[in-house]
Amino acid sequence: MPLRTDDWSALDLPRIVADIERLGVPRSAEMPVASPAGKRRLILSSGIALTAVAGAGVLLRSARPPAAVPATAPAAPNKLDGDWLLVSADGQRTPAHLRQRGEAVELRSEPVRIDSRPEWATYIASLAADGTPLSHVRYTARGELFGNELDMALMLISGDGSFEVAGGNLHVRMSADARTLEGKVSLNTGDEEVVRLERTR
């Protein structure tokens, strides 16, 4: 239990005694009479205790206030936070969201329809043979901003998020006003595509 240094005997000691009694320890009917040697030990131990308390008080009064913590420089603004459009080489425009925390950046797009695109036909047919339909994919990516270049590990997942479709890399360069990102997507299949991200908000 915490004890006050100013008036613990009047305030805290009765509370401690009451707690001990609540635990079932009876209060003694009479105090035993101490022998002269016992009295000397009691006086000596009391003197040591009072000296310790007084010393603690002196230390507390003479303690210096903690040094002021130097102010840190404000964090760099998260320039890329917000809503974007992912524009592919064929002009398809897909809403996406970028989240930046420090140098770390995450991307997640809305579903992109792929079942009408010839380059996806063979893959979609192979999944359909196993009973797995695929009509949309999402772009998800995580990476870091290095100066004005953003390098991200890319993952294409099914539109409903139930399985991974392909992996790769997204590498883009940020414009001076941080409103466009231009570069390319490289998939592990060997396919590459020029992409552009345009800020909408």
N, C-alpha and C. Protein backbone atom coordinates (compact mmCIF):
# COMPACT_ATOMS: atom_id res chain seq x y z
N MET A 1 0.84 -1.19 0.00
CA MET A 1 0.00 0.00 0.00
C MET A 1 0.88 1.25 0.00
N PRO A 2 0.47 2.29 -0.73
CA PRO A 2 1.26 3.53 -0.67
C PRO A 2 1.08 4.22 0.67
N LEU A 3 2.16 4.76 1.22
CA LEU A 3 2.11 5.49 2.49
C LEU A 3 2.50 6.94 2.24
N ARG A 4 1.78 7.85 2.88
CA ARG A 4 2.11 9.27 2.76
C ARG A 4 3.34 9.58 3.60
N THR A 5 4.17 10.48 3.13
CA THR A 5 5.35 10.87 3.91
C THR A 5 5.01 11.95 4.91
N ASP A 6 3.89 12.67 4.69
CA ASP A 6 3.59 13.79 5.59
C ASP A 6 2.85 13.36 6.85
N ASP A 7 1.84 12.49 6.72
CA ASP A 7 1.04 12.13 7.90
C ASP A 7 0.56 10.70 7.78
N TRP A 8 1.46 9.76 7.54
CA TRP A 8 1.06 8.38 7.33
C TRP A 8 0.51 7.73 8.60
N SER A 9 1.02 8.16 9.78
CA SER A 9 0.58 7.51 11.02
C SER A 9 -0.87 7.82 11.32
N ALA A 10 -1.34 9.02 10.99
CA ALA A 10 -2.73 9.38 11.30
C ALA A 10 -3.69 8.91 10.22
N LEU A 11 -3.23 8.84 8.96
CA LEU A 11 -4.15 8.53 7.86
C LEU A 11 -4.01 7.10 7.35
N ASP A 12 -2.77 6.66 7.12
CA ASP A 12 -2.57 5.36 6.49
C ASP A 12 -2.52 4.20 7.47
N LEU A 13 -1.91 4.43 8.65
CA LEU A 13 -1.77 3.33 9.60
C LEU A 13 -3.12 2.78 10.05
N PRO A 14 -4.11 3.62 10.41
CA PRO A 14 -5.42 3.06 10.78
C PRO A 14 -6.06 2.25 9.65
N ARG A 15 -5.82 2.65 8.41
CA ARG A 15 -6.39 1.91 7.28
C ARG A 15 -5.72 0.54 7.15
N ILE A 16 -4.40 0.50 7.37
CA ILE A 16 -3.69 -0.78 7.31
C ILE A 16 -4.17 -1.71 8.41
N VAL A 17 -4.31 -1.17 9.63
CA VAL A 17 -4.79 -1.99 10.76
C VAL A 17 -6.18 -2.53 10.46
N ALA A 18 -7.06 -1.68 9.92
CA ALA A 18 -8.43 -2.12 9.61
C ALA A 18 -8.42 -3.22 8.55
N ASP A 19 -7.54 -3.10 7.54
CA ASP A 19 -7.44 -4.13 6.52
C ASP A 19 -6.96 -5.45 7.10
N ILE A 20 -6.00 -5.39 8.03
CA ILE A 20 -5.49 -6.62 8.66
C ILE A 20 -6.60 -7.28 9.48
N GLU A 21 -7.37 -6.46 10.17
CA GLU A 21 -8.48 -7.02 10.96
C GLU A 21 -9.53 -7.66 10.07
N ARG A 22 -9.76 -7.06 8.89
CA ARG A 22 -10.74 -7.64 7.96
C ARG A 22 -10.28 -9.00 7.45
N LEU A 23 -8.96 -9.22 7.46
CA LEU A 23 -8.43 -10.52 7.04
C LEU A 23 -8.54 -11.58 8.14
N GLY A 24 -9.05 -11.18 9.31
CA GLY A 24 -9.29 -12.15 10.38
C GLY A 24 -8.26 -12.15 11.47
N VAL A 25 -7.33 -11.22 11.46
CA VAL A 25 -6.31 -11.15 12.52
C VAL A 25 -6.88 -10.30 13.65
N PRO A 26 -7.08 -10.89 14.84
CA PRO A 26 -7.69 -10.12 15.94
C PRO A 26 -6.71 -9.10 16.51
N ARG A 27 -7.30 -7.99 17.03
CA ARG A 27 -6.48 -6.97 17.69
C ARG A 27 -6.10 -7.50 19.06
N SER A 28 -4.83 -7.34 19.46
CA SER A 28 -4.36 -7.83 20.76
C SER A 28 -5.01 -7.03 21.89
N ALA A 29 -5.39 -7.72 22.97
CA ALA A 29 -6.05 -7.05 24.10
C ALA A 29 -5.09 -6.12 24.82
N GLU A 30 -3.86 -6.52 24.97
CA GLU A 30 -2.90 -5.66 25.67
C GLU A 30 -1.54 -5.76 25.00
N MET A 31 -0.83 -4.66 25.07
CA MET A 31 0.48 -4.60 24.45
C MET A 31 1.51 -5.23 25.38
N PRO A 32 2.40 -6.07 24.87
CA PRO A 32 3.45 -6.63 25.72
C PRO A 32 4.43 -5.53 26.15
N VAL A 33 4.95 -5.69 27.35
CA VAL A 33 5.91 -4.71 27.87
C VAL A 33 7.29 -5.10 27.39
N ALA A 34 7.95 -4.15 26.77
CA ALA A 34 9.27 -4.44 26.21
C ALA A 34 10.32 -4.38 27.30
N SER A 35 11.34 -5.23 27.13
CA SER A 35 12.48 -5.21 28.05
C SER A 35 13.34 -3.99 27.76
N PRO A 36 14.23 -3.59 28.72
CA PRO A 36 15.10 -2.44 28.43
C PRO A 36 15.88 -2.59 27.14
N ALA A 37 16.37 -3.83 26.86
CA ALA A 37 17.12 -4.05 25.61
C ALA A 37 16.19 -3.86 24.41
N GLY A 38 14.94 -4.35 24.55
CA GLY A 38 13.98 -4.19 23.47
C GLY A 38 13.66 -2.74 23.22
N LYS A 39 13.55 -1.97 24.35
CA LYS A 39 13.27 -0.53 24.19
C LYS A 39 14.40 0.15 23.44
N ARG A 40 15.66 -0.23 23.78
CA ARG A 40 16.80 0.38 23.10
C ARG A 40 16.77 0.05 21.60
N ARG A 41 16.46 -1.22 21.27
CA ARG A 41 16.38 -1.61 19.85
C ARG A 41 15.28 -0.84 19.14
N LEU A 42 14.13 -0.64 19.82
CA LEU A 42 13.01 0.09 19.23
C LEU A 42 13.38 1.54 18.98
N ILE A 43 14.04 2.16 19.96
CA ILE A 43 14.46 3.57 19.80
C ILE A 43 15.46 3.69 18.66
N LEU A 44 16.43 2.73 18.61
CA LEU A 44 17.46 2.77 17.57
C LEU A 44 16.82 2.60 16.18
N SER A 45 15.93 1.61 16.05
CA SER A 45 15.31 1.37 14.74
C SER A 45 14.41 2.53 14.35
N SER A 46 13.74 3.14 15.35
CA SER A 46 12.90 4.31 15.05
C SER A 46 13.75 5.46 14.57
N GLY A 47 14.91 5.65 15.22
CA GLY A 47 15.81 6.72 14.80
C GLY A 47 16.31 6.51 13.38
N ILE A 48 16.65 5.25 13.04
CA ILE A 48 17.12 4.95 11.68
C ILE A 48 16.00 5.23 10.67
N ALA A 49 14.78 4.82 11.01
CA ALA A 49 13.65 5.04 10.10
C ALA A 49 13.40 6.52 9.89
N LEU A 50 13.45 7.32 11.00
CA LEU A 50 13.21 8.76 10.87
C LEU A 50 14.31 9.42 10.04
N THR A 51 15.56 8.95 10.23
CA THR A 51 16.67 9.50 9.45
C THR A 51 16.48 9.21 7.97
N ALA A 52 16.03 7.99 7.65
CA ALA A 52 15.80 7.62 6.25
C ALA A 52 14.70 8.48 5.64
N VAL A 53 13.59 8.69 6.41
CA VAL A 53 12.50 9.51 5.90
C VAL A 53 12.96 10.95 5.69
N ALA A 54 13.74 11.48 6.66
CA ALA A 54 14.23 12.85 6.53
C ALA A 54 15.17 12.97 5.33
N GLY A 55 16.04 11.97 5.16
CA GLY A 55 16.95 11.99 4.01
C GLY A 55 16.19 11.96 2.70
N ALA A 56 15.13 11.15 2.64
CA ALA A 56 14.32 11.09 1.42
C ALA A 56 13.68 12.44 1.14
N GLY A 57 13.22 13.10 2.23
CA GLY A 57 12.61 14.42 2.04
C GLY A 57 13.60 15.42 1.48
N VAL A 58 14.84 15.39 2.00
CA VAL A 58 15.87 16.31 1.50
C VAL A 58 16.16 16.05 0.04
N LEU A 59 16.27 14.76 -0.31
CA LEU A 59 16.55 14.42 -1.71
C LEU A 59 15.42 14.88 -2.62
N LEU A 60 14.18 14.68 -2.17
CA LEU A 60 13.04 15.09 -2.99
C LEU A 60 13.01 16.60 -3.19
N ARG A 61 13.31 17.35 -2.10
CA ARG A 61 13.28 18.81 -2.21
C ARG A 61 14.41 19.34 -3.07
N SER A 62 15.58 18.64 -3.03
CA SER A 62 16.72 19.14 -3.77
C SER A 62 16.81 18.59 -5.19
N ALA A 63 15.90 17.67 -5.52
CA ALA A 63 15.96 17.08 -6.87
C ALA A 63 15.68 18.16 -7.91
N ARG A 64 16.46 18.14 -8.95
CA ARG A 64 16.27 19.13 -10.01
C ARG A 64 15.10 18.70 -10.89
N PRO A 65 14.38 19.67 -11.44
CA PRO A 65 13.31 19.30 -12.36
C PRO A 65 13.90 18.64 -13.60
N PRO A 66 13.16 17.73 -14.23
CA PRO A 66 13.69 17.04 -15.40
C PRO A 66 13.99 18.03 -16.52
N ALA A 67 15.08 17.74 -17.22
CA ALA A 67 15.47 18.61 -18.33
C ALA A 67 14.39 18.60 -19.40
N ALA A 68 14.21 19.75 -19.98
CA ALA A 68 13.19 19.85 -21.04
C ALA A 68 13.58 18.97 -22.21
N VAL A 69 12.60 18.24 -22.74
CA VAL A 69 12.86 17.38 -23.89
C VAL A 69 12.92 18.26 -25.13
N PRO A 70 14.00 18.15 -25.91
CA PRO A 70 14.09 19.02 -27.08
C PRO A 70 12.98 18.71 -28.07
N ALA A 71 12.44 19.75 -28.64
CA ALA A 71 11.35 19.56 -29.60
C ALA A 71 11.89 18.89 -30.85
N THR A 72 11.14 17.88 -31.33
CA THR A 72 11.56 17.20 -32.55
C THR A 72 10.98 17.93 -33.74
N ALA A 73 11.65 17.76 -34.84
CA ALA A 73 11.16 18.41 -36.07
C ALA A 73 9.85 17.78 -36.47
N PRO A 74 8.90 18.57 -36.97
CA PRO A 74 7.63 18.00 -37.38
C PRO A 74 7.81 16.96 -38.47
N ALA A 75 6.98 15.93 -38.42
CA ALA A 75 7.09 14.86 -39.41
C ALA A 75 6.75 15.40 -40.79
N ALA A 76 7.40 14.81 -41.80
CA ALA A 76 7.12 15.23 -43.17
C ALA A 76 5.67 14.91 -43.51
N PRO A 77 5.02 15.79 -44.25
CA PRO A 77 3.62 15.53 -44.59
C PRO A 77 3.48 14.26 -45.43
N ASN A 78 2.38 13.57 -45.24
CA ASN A 78 2.11 12.36 -46.00
C ASN A 78 1.53 12.78 -47.35
N LYS A 79 2.41 13.12 -48.28
CA LYS A 79 2.01 13.70 -49.56
C LYS A 79 1.08 12.81 -50.37
N LEU A 80 1.24 11.50 -50.23
CA LEU A 80 0.51 10.59 -51.12
C LEU A 80 -0.81 10.11 -50.55
N ASP A 81 -1.11 10.44 -49.30
CA ASP A 81 -2.37 10.01 -48.70
C ASP A 81 -3.56 10.51 -49.52
N GLY A 82 -4.48 9.62 -49.86
CA GLY A 82 -5.69 10.09 -50.52
C GLY A 82 -6.17 9.18 -51.62
N ASP A 83 -7.12 9.68 -52.41
CA ASP A 83 -7.74 8.91 -53.48
C ASP A 83 -7.07 9.23 -54.81
N TRP A 84 -6.88 8.19 -55.61
CA TRP A 84 -6.19 8.29 -56.89
C TRP A 84 -6.95 7.51 -57.96
N LEU A 85 -6.58 7.74 -59.22
CA LEU A 85 -7.05 6.92 -60.33
C LEU A 85 -5.85 6.19 -60.92
N LEU A 86 -5.95 4.88 -61.03
CA LEU A 86 -4.91 4.06 -61.65
C LEU A 86 -5.26 3.95 -63.14
N VAL A 87 -4.45 4.58 -64.00
CA VAL A 87 -4.74 4.64 -65.43
C VAL A 87 -3.79 3.70 -66.16
N SER A 88 -4.35 2.69 -66.84
CA SER A 88 -3.53 1.72 -67.56
C SER A 88 -3.24 2.22 -68.97
N ALA A 89 -2.37 1.49 -69.69
CA ALA A 89 -1.96 1.91 -71.03
C ALA A 89 -3.13 1.97 -72.00
N ASP A 90 -4.15 1.11 -71.78
CA ASP A 90 -5.31 1.12 -72.68
C ASP A 90 -6.37 2.14 -72.27
N GLY A 91 -6.06 2.96 -71.26
CA GLY A 91 -6.97 4.03 -70.86
C GLY A 91 -7.96 3.65 -69.77
N GLN A 92 -7.89 2.41 -69.28
CA GLN A 92 -8.79 2.01 -68.19
C GLN A 92 -8.44 2.78 -66.93
N ARG A 93 -9.46 3.34 -66.29
CA ARG A 93 -9.25 4.18 -65.10
C ARG A 93 -9.90 3.49 -63.90
N THR A 94 -9.07 3.12 -62.93
CA THR A 94 -9.54 2.38 -61.77
C THR A 94 -9.31 3.18 -60.50
N PRO A 95 -10.35 3.45 -59.70
CA PRO A 95 -10.14 4.15 -58.42
C PRO A 95 -9.22 3.34 -57.49
N ALA A 96 -8.33 4.06 -56.83
CA ALA A 96 -7.41 3.42 -55.88
C ALA A 96 -7.20 4.37 -54.70
N HIS A 97 -6.73 3.81 -53.61
CA HIS A 97 -6.45 4.62 -52.42
C HIS A 97 -5.01 4.37 -51.99
N LEU A 98 -4.29 5.46 -51.73
CA LEU A 98 -2.93 5.37 -51.20
C LEU A 98 -2.92 5.84 -49.76
N ARG A 99 -2.19 5.10 -48.94
CA ARG A 99 -2.04 5.45 -47.52
C ARG A 99 -0.55 5.55 -47.23
N GLN A 100 -0.10 6.73 -46.81
CA GLN A 100 1.31 6.94 -46.50
C GLN A 100 1.50 7.24 -45.03
N ARG A 101 2.46 6.55 -44.41
CA ARG A 101 2.86 6.81 -43.04
C ARG A 101 4.38 6.89 -43.01
N GLY A 102 4.88 8.13 -42.95
CA GLY A 102 6.33 8.31 -43.05
C GLY A 102 6.74 7.97 -44.48
N GLU A 103 7.71 7.08 -44.62
CA GLU A 103 8.14 6.66 -45.96
C GLU A 103 7.36 5.44 -46.45
N ALA A 104 6.62 4.78 -45.57
CA ALA A 104 5.87 3.57 -45.95
C ALA A 104 4.57 3.95 -46.65
N VAL A 105 4.28 3.25 -47.74
CA VAL A 105 3.09 3.54 -48.55
C VAL A 105 2.37 2.23 -48.87
N GLU A 106 1.04 2.27 -48.79
CA GLU A 106 0.21 1.12 -49.19
C GLU A 106 -0.77 1.57 -50.26
N LEU A 107 -1.09 0.67 -51.17
CA LEU A 107 -2.05 0.94 -52.23
C LEU A 107 -3.09 -0.16 -52.26
N ARG A 108 -4.34 0.22 -52.52
CA ARG A 108 -5.41 -0.76 -52.72
C ARG A 108 -6.38 -0.16 -53.73
N SER A 109 -6.63 -0.92 -54.80
CA SER A 109 -7.53 -0.43 -55.84
C SER A 109 -8.92 -1.02 -55.67
N GLU A 110 -9.86 -0.40 -56.35
CA GLU A 110 -11.18 -1.00 -56.50
C GLU A 110 -11.05 -2.17 -57.48
N PRO A 111 -12.04 -3.06 -57.54
CA PRO A 111 -11.95 -4.19 -58.49
C PRO A 111 -11.84 -3.72 -59.94
N VAL A 112 -10.97 -4.39 -60.71
CA VAL A 112 -10.77 -4.11 -62.13
C VAL A 112 -11.35 -5.28 -62.93
N ARG A 113 -12.22 -4.99 -63.89
CA ARG A 113 -12.82 -6.06 -64.70
C ARG A 113 -11.79 -6.59 -65.71
N ILE A 114 -11.59 -7.91 -65.74
CA ILE A 114 -10.59 -8.49 -66.64
C ILE A 114 -11.16 -9.57 -67.56
N ASP A 115 -12.40 -9.99 -67.35
CA ASP A 115 -12.91 -11.13 -68.11
C ASP A 115 -13.18 -10.82 -69.59
N SER A 116 -13.07 -9.55 -69.97
CA SER A 116 -13.24 -9.19 -71.38
C SER A 116 -11.90 -8.87 -72.04
N ARG A 117 -10.80 -9.05 -71.31
CA ARG A 117 -9.49 -8.71 -71.85
C ARG A 117 -8.81 -9.98 -72.38
N PRO A 118 -8.38 -9.97 -73.63
CA PRO A 118 -7.83 -11.18 -74.26
C PRO A 118 -6.63 -11.78 -73.53
N GLU A 119 -5.78 -10.93 -72.94
CA GLU A 119 -4.57 -11.44 -72.28
C GLU A 119 -4.88 -12.26 -71.03
N TRP A 120 -6.13 -12.13 -70.51
CA TRP A 120 -6.52 -12.88 -69.33
C TRP A 120 -7.32 -14.14 -69.68
N ALA A 121 -7.67 -14.32 -70.92
CA ALA A 121 -8.61 -15.39 -71.31
C ALA A 121 -8.12 -16.78 -70.91
N THR A 122 -6.85 -17.11 -71.20
CA THR A 122 -6.33 -18.45 -70.90
C THR A 122 -6.34 -18.72 -69.40
N TYR A 123 -5.91 -17.74 -68.62
CA TYR A 123 -5.86 -17.93 -67.17
C TYR A 123 -7.27 -18.09 -66.59
N ILE A 124 -8.19 -17.27 -67.05
CA ILE A 124 -9.56 -17.35 -66.55
C ILE A 124 -10.18 -18.70 -66.89
N ALA A 125 -9.89 -19.20 -68.11
CA ALA A 125 -10.42 -20.50 -68.53
C ALA A 125 -9.86 -21.63 -67.68
N SER A 126 -8.56 -21.55 -67.31
CA SER A 126 -7.96 -22.60 -66.48
C SER A 126 -8.57 -22.62 -65.08
N LEU A 127 -8.89 -21.46 -64.54
CA LEU A 127 -9.55 -21.41 -63.23
C LEU A 127 -10.98 -21.93 -63.32
N ALA A 128 -11.66 -21.59 -64.40
CA ALA A 128 -13.05 -22.02 -64.57
C ALA A 128 -13.14 -23.54 -64.65
N ALA A 129 -12.10 -24.19 -65.23
CA ALA A 129 -12.10 -25.65 -65.34
C ALA A 129 -12.09 -26.30 -63.96
N ASP A 130 -11.54 -25.60 -62.96
CA ASP A 130 -11.53 -26.11 -61.58
C ASP A 130 -12.70 -25.58 -60.77
N GLY A 131 -13.61 -24.86 -61.43
CA GLY A 131 -14.79 -24.34 -60.73
C GLY A 131 -14.55 -23.03 -60.00
N THR A 132 -13.47 -22.31 -60.36
CA THR A 132 -13.17 -21.03 -59.71
C THR A 132 -13.40 -19.89 -60.70
N PRO A 133 -14.46 -19.13 -60.51
CA PRO A 133 -14.71 -18.02 -61.43
C PRO A 133 -13.80 -16.83 -61.12
N LEU A 134 -13.42 -16.09 -62.15
CA LEU A 134 -12.64 -14.88 -61.96
C LEU A 134 -13.05 -13.87 -63.02
N SER A 135 -13.57 -12.75 -62.57
CA SER A 135 -13.97 -11.70 -63.50
C SER A 135 -13.28 -10.37 -63.18
N HIS A 136 -12.85 -10.19 -61.90
CA HIS A 136 -12.22 -8.94 -61.47
C HIS A 136 -10.98 -9.24 -60.63
N VAL A 137 -10.05 -8.30 -60.65
CA VAL A 137 -8.89 -8.37 -59.76
C VAL A 137 -8.73 -7.02 -59.07
N ARG A 138 -8.01 -7.03 -57.97
CA ARG A 138 -7.65 -5.79 -57.27
C ARG A 138 -6.13 -5.69 -57.24
N TYR A 139 -5.62 -4.47 -57.37
CA TYR A 139 -4.21 -4.21 -57.16
C TYR A 139 -4.00 -3.86 -55.69
N THR A 140 -3.09 -4.56 -55.04
CA THR A 140 -2.68 -4.19 -53.68
C THR A 140 -1.16 -4.13 -53.68
N ALA A 141 -0.60 -3.18 -52.95
CA ALA A 141 0.85 -3.04 -52.96
C ALA A 141 1.32 -2.38 -51.67
N ARG A 142 2.55 -2.72 -51.30
CA ARG A 142 3.20 -2.09 -50.15
C ARG A 142 4.64 -1.79 -50.51
N GLY A 143 5.11 -0.61 -50.09
CA GLY A 143 6.49 -0.27 -50.38
C GLY A 143 6.91 1.01 -49.69
N GLU A 144 7.95 1.64 -50.23
CA GLU A 144 8.51 2.84 -49.61
C GLU A 144 8.78 3.91 -50.65
N LEU A 145 8.71 5.14 -50.17
CA LEU A 145 9.01 6.30 -51.00
C LEU A 145 10.46 6.68 -50.76
N PHE A 146 11.25 6.70 -51.84
CA PHE A 146 12.65 7.10 -51.78
C PHE A 146 12.79 8.38 -52.58
N GLY A 147 12.79 9.52 -51.88
CA GLY A 147 12.82 10.80 -52.59
C GLY A 147 11.53 10.97 -53.37
N ASN A 148 11.65 10.98 -54.70
CA ASN A 148 10.44 11.11 -55.52
C ASN A 148 10.09 9.81 -56.25
N GLU A 149 10.69 8.69 -55.82
CA GLU A 149 10.40 7.40 -56.44
C GLU A 149 9.73 6.48 -55.43
N LEU A 150 8.70 5.80 -55.91
CA LEU A 150 7.93 4.87 -55.07
C LEU A 150 8.13 3.46 -55.60
N ASP A 151 8.66 2.59 -54.78
CA ASP A 151 8.89 1.20 -55.16
C ASP A 151 8.06 0.31 -54.26
N MET A 152 7.21 -0.55 -54.87
CA MET A 152 6.25 -1.33 -54.09
C MET A 152 6.20 -2.78 -54.57
N ALA A 153 6.08 -3.69 -53.60
CA ALA A 153 5.79 -5.08 -53.92
C ALA A 153 4.30 -5.16 -54.24
N LEU A 154 3.99 -5.68 -55.41
CA LEU A 154 2.61 -5.68 -55.91
C LEU A 154 1.99 -7.06 -55.80
N MET A 155 0.72 -7.09 -55.45
CA MET A 155 -0.03 -8.34 -55.41
C MET A 155 -1.38 -8.12 -56.07
N LEU A 156 -1.68 -8.92 -57.10
CA LEU A 156 -3.02 -8.93 -57.68
C LEU A 156 -3.82 -10.02 -56.98
N ILE A 157 -4.96 -9.65 -56.44
CA ILE A 157 -5.83 -10.62 -55.78
C ILE A 157 -7.17 -10.64 -56.49
N SER A 158 -7.92 -11.70 -56.29
CA SER A 158 -9.24 -11.78 -56.89
C SER A 158 -10.11 -10.64 -56.37
N GLY A 159 -11.12 -10.28 -57.17
CA GLY A 159 -11.96 -9.15 -56.80
C GLY A 159 -12.59 -9.28 -55.43
N ASP A 160 -12.91 -10.52 -55.02
CA ASP A 160 -13.51 -10.72 -53.70
C ASP A 160 -12.46 -10.93 -52.62
N GLY A 161 -11.17 -10.90 -52.99
CA GLY A 161 -10.09 -11.04 -52.01
C GLY A 161 -9.85 -12.45 -51.53
N SER A 162 -10.42 -13.45 -52.22
CA SER A 162 -10.33 -14.83 -51.71
C SER A 162 -9.04 -15.55 -52.10
N PHE A 163 -8.35 -15.09 -53.16
CA PHE A 163 -7.10 -15.77 -53.51
C PHE A 163 -6.18 -14.83 -54.28
N GLU A 164 -4.89 -15.21 -54.30
CA GLU A 164 -3.87 -14.44 -54.99
C GLU A 164 -3.84 -14.83 -56.46
N VAL A 165 -3.76 -13.83 -57.32
CA VAL A 165 -3.74 -14.08 -58.77
C VAL A 165 -2.32 -14.00 -59.32
N ALA A 166 -1.59 -12.96 -58.96
CA ALA A 166 -0.22 -12.79 -59.45
C ALA A 166 0.51 -11.81 -58.55
N GLY A 167 1.84 -11.89 -58.60
CA GLY A 167 2.68 -10.96 -57.85
C GLY A 167 3.56 -10.18 -58.79
N GLY A 168 4.21 -9.18 -58.28
CA GLY A 168 5.10 -8.39 -59.12
C GLY A 168 5.61 -7.16 -58.41
N ASN A 169 5.85 -6.11 -59.19
CA ASN A 169 6.44 -4.89 -58.67
C ASN A 169 5.80 -3.68 -59.34
N LEU A 170 5.59 -2.64 -58.56
CA LEU A 170 5.11 -1.36 -59.08
C LEU A 170 6.18 -0.32 -58.78
N HIS A 171 6.69 0.32 -59.83
CA HIS A 171 7.72 1.35 -59.64
C HIS A 171 7.27 2.59 -60.39
N VAL A 172 7.09 3.69 -59.66
CA VAL A 172 6.62 4.94 -60.27
C VAL A 172 7.43 6.12 -59.73
N ARG A 173 7.39 7.20 -60.50
CA ARG A 173 8.08 8.43 -60.11
C ARG A 173 7.03 9.51 -59.84
N MET A 174 7.20 10.25 -58.76
CA MET A 174 6.25 11.28 -58.35
C MET A 174 6.58 12.60 -59.02
N SER A 175 5.54 13.28 -59.48
CA SER A 175 5.73 14.60 -60.09
C SER A 175 6.07 15.62 -59.00
N ALA A 176 6.56 16.78 -59.41
CA ALA A 176 6.98 17.80 -58.46
C ALA A 176 5.84 18.27 -57.57
N ASP A 177 4.61 18.30 -58.11
CA ASP A 177 3.47 18.75 -57.29
C ASP A 177 2.77 17.60 -56.57
N ALA A 178 3.34 16.38 -56.65
CA ALA A 178 2.82 15.19 -55.97
C ALA A 178 1.38 14.86 -56.38
N ARG A 179 1.01 15.20 -57.61
CA ARG A 179 -0.35 14.92 -58.07
C ARG A 179 -0.40 13.79 -59.10
N THR A 180 0.74 13.37 -59.60
CA THR A 180 0.77 12.23 -60.52
C THR A 180 1.95 11.34 -60.18
N LEU A 181 1.78 10.05 -60.47
CA LEU A 181 2.83 9.05 -60.32
C LEU A 181 2.88 8.29 -61.64
N GLU A 182 4.05 8.21 -62.27
CA GLU A 182 4.16 7.53 -63.55
C GLU A 182 5.27 6.49 -63.50
N GLY A 183 5.00 5.32 -64.10
CA GLY A 183 5.99 4.26 -64.13
C GLY A 183 5.44 3.01 -64.77
N LYS A 184 5.77 1.86 -64.18
CA LYS A 184 5.30 0.62 -64.78
C LYS A 184 5.03 -0.45 -63.73
N VAL A 185 4.18 -1.39 -64.12
CA VAL A 185 3.90 -2.59 -63.34
C VAL A 185 4.64 -3.74 -64.01
N SER A 186 5.42 -4.50 -63.25
CA SER A 186 6.11 -5.68 -63.76
C SER A 186 5.59 -6.88 -62.99
N LEU A 187 4.95 -7.83 -63.69
CA LEU A 187 4.42 -9.02 -63.04
C LEU A 187 5.45 -10.14 -63.08
N ASN A 188 5.31 -11.10 -62.15
CA ASN A 188 6.23 -12.24 -62.11
C ASN A 188 6.09 -13.13 -63.34
N THR A 189 5.00 -12.98 -64.06
CA THR A 189 4.79 -13.74 -65.30
C THR A 189 5.66 -13.21 -66.43
N GLY A 190 6.29 -12.05 -66.23
CA GLY A 190 7.10 -11.44 -67.27
C GLY A 190 6.39 -10.31 -67.98
N ASP A 191 5.09 -10.15 -67.73
CA ASP A 191 4.33 -9.07 -68.36
C ASP A 191 4.67 -7.74 -67.71
N GLU A 192 4.71 -6.70 -68.53
CA GLU A 192 4.94 -5.34 -68.04
C GLU A 192 3.90 -4.42 -68.64
N GLU A 193 3.54 -3.39 -67.89
CA GLU A 193 2.55 -2.44 -68.37
C GLU A 193 2.87 -1.05 -67.82
N VAL A 194 2.79 -0.06 -68.69
CA VAL A 194 2.98 1.33 -68.27
C VAL A 194 1.72 1.77 -67.52
N VAL A 195 1.91 2.43 -66.38
CA VAL A 195 0.77 2.90 -65.59
C VAL A 195 1.00 4.34 -65.16
N ARG A 196 -0.11 4.96 -64.82
CA ARG A 196 -0.09 6.33 -64.32
C ARG A 196 -1.12 6.44 -63.21
N LEU A 197 -0.75 7.07 -62.11
CA LEU A 197 -1.68 7.34 -61.02
C LEU A 197 -1.93 8.83 -60.97
N GLU A 198 -3.20 9.21 -60.96
CA GLU A 198 -3.58 10.62 -60.91
C GLU A 198 -4.38 10.88 -59.65
N ARG A 199 -3.99 11.90 -58.92
CA ARG A 199 -4.69 12.22 -57.67
C ARG A 199 -6.06 12.81 -57.97
N THR A 200 -7.06 12.32 -57.22
CA THR A 200 -8.40 12.90 -57.34
C THR A 200 -8.78 13.67 -56.10
N ARG A 201 -8.17 13.32 -54.95
CA ARG A 201 -8.47 14.02 -53.70
C ARG A 201 -7.31 13.87 -52.73
